[in-house]
């Protein structure tokens, strides 16, 4: 469909972030006429670079008439569905697709393992690519994990395998998704600042299965009742991972601290170099996905190489990443925890008395779901940023809490003063970063810089 559309007329790309730039380059490489625009300002170098390859790129606004006359609109995941360019496109019957949809059209031979879910998908995606490389195959991680798929499609030498992380926003506009293996890690409330209902959010996640057939292969979380309920009638071969069910395809052994894959003991907890029990589940999901993707990945030799790959895997930046131990205090960056459920998992993973930093832009989720973990592990909660009054309203009186404003320097100073040797400071905000930072990476980088500044 994409190749046909780009021959009909101009393609409008909405958003000039990394994915918008990459897909603009890919479309021009394919011979399309491209108009790219962003409501916000853009770096002059970006506009010049795109102009140099023939893209008509504009910042600080959109030409809505031009978008309404386009052959297709390619939307960046950060653009909300009620943005004027998308409203105009729908009114004029212009097809709206994601950057992922475009890139997939130029990667017909790639073996794709697609990963979605509310939490853990970046770690699972990165580990899948790492384990595939441990098996000696050419593999790369792309998509919502940070590398636009269009960048991969522009390579001269295309990878044989792609571990593809998909957000709900990307799935919404990727109608052709049909992976070799599809992975659904879990379903929890998220993005309720953008979706009109939890059902609408879950419905977008379920678009992973839109093209399911009896020959499809799915890896799902047997411990997540919502995942099981929604996926049980999806056509295909279902493989399940579990932290509790010894009958799962990947799950616990009867031997404490050991984990099984297809009925045989596979790894021990000590083999997984990541913090938290949830990362055992992420590891099982990744290993199971790689194993079911190809029969050659299930031989005894392949299993041994997968185990070695697990042992050598490193935590992704901003995901329960240990930054430093300063004066006996462990500082942990979990800036990627942009919703309540992911923050809950991180807090429950703590084994030391912990100062927990919560705050940012509110996502319409109650913070009371954090009380169990906070009561067990938090020595203090520091609430900051736009969401601070709401966090205080939900948690004050139940756990020790101090409310600050929007100075991140003050937040770190407060945490430093409150933490004690043998304890920890955890940045796991349960909120997006957009009140104070451009993205969660910038928030995590600021955390690292302030922690290590002496």
Foldseek 3Di string as FASTA:
>chain_A
DLLVLQVVAEEEEEDLPPLSLLLLVLSLVSPGAYEYEYLADDDPVSCVVSVVSRYNYYYNDDPLVVLLPGSAYEYELVDACPPSNNVSVVVSVHQYAYSQQNLCVLVVQAQEEEEEEDPLRLVLLVLLQLLVVLLVAFEDEEEPNPHHSSVQSPDPDHGNYYYYYDALSNLVRRQVQAHLEYEYEEYDDFQLVRDVDSVSRVVSVVSNLVPADLDHEYEYEPVHPVGCVVCVPRHYHYAYEYAPDLPGQWYDDPDPQWIDHNNHTQGGVVLAPAFAPVVVSSLSRNLNSNCVSDVVCPDPVNSVSSSVSRNPDDDDPQCQDFLDQDQQATEGGNLVLAALVSLLRVLQRDPFAEEEEAEAADSPDQNLVNLVSCLVHYQEYEYEEPCQVRNCVRCPPRHHYDYDYQDVLVVVVVRVVPDDRRHYYYYNHNRFHPRHDPGSVVVSVVSSVSVPDD
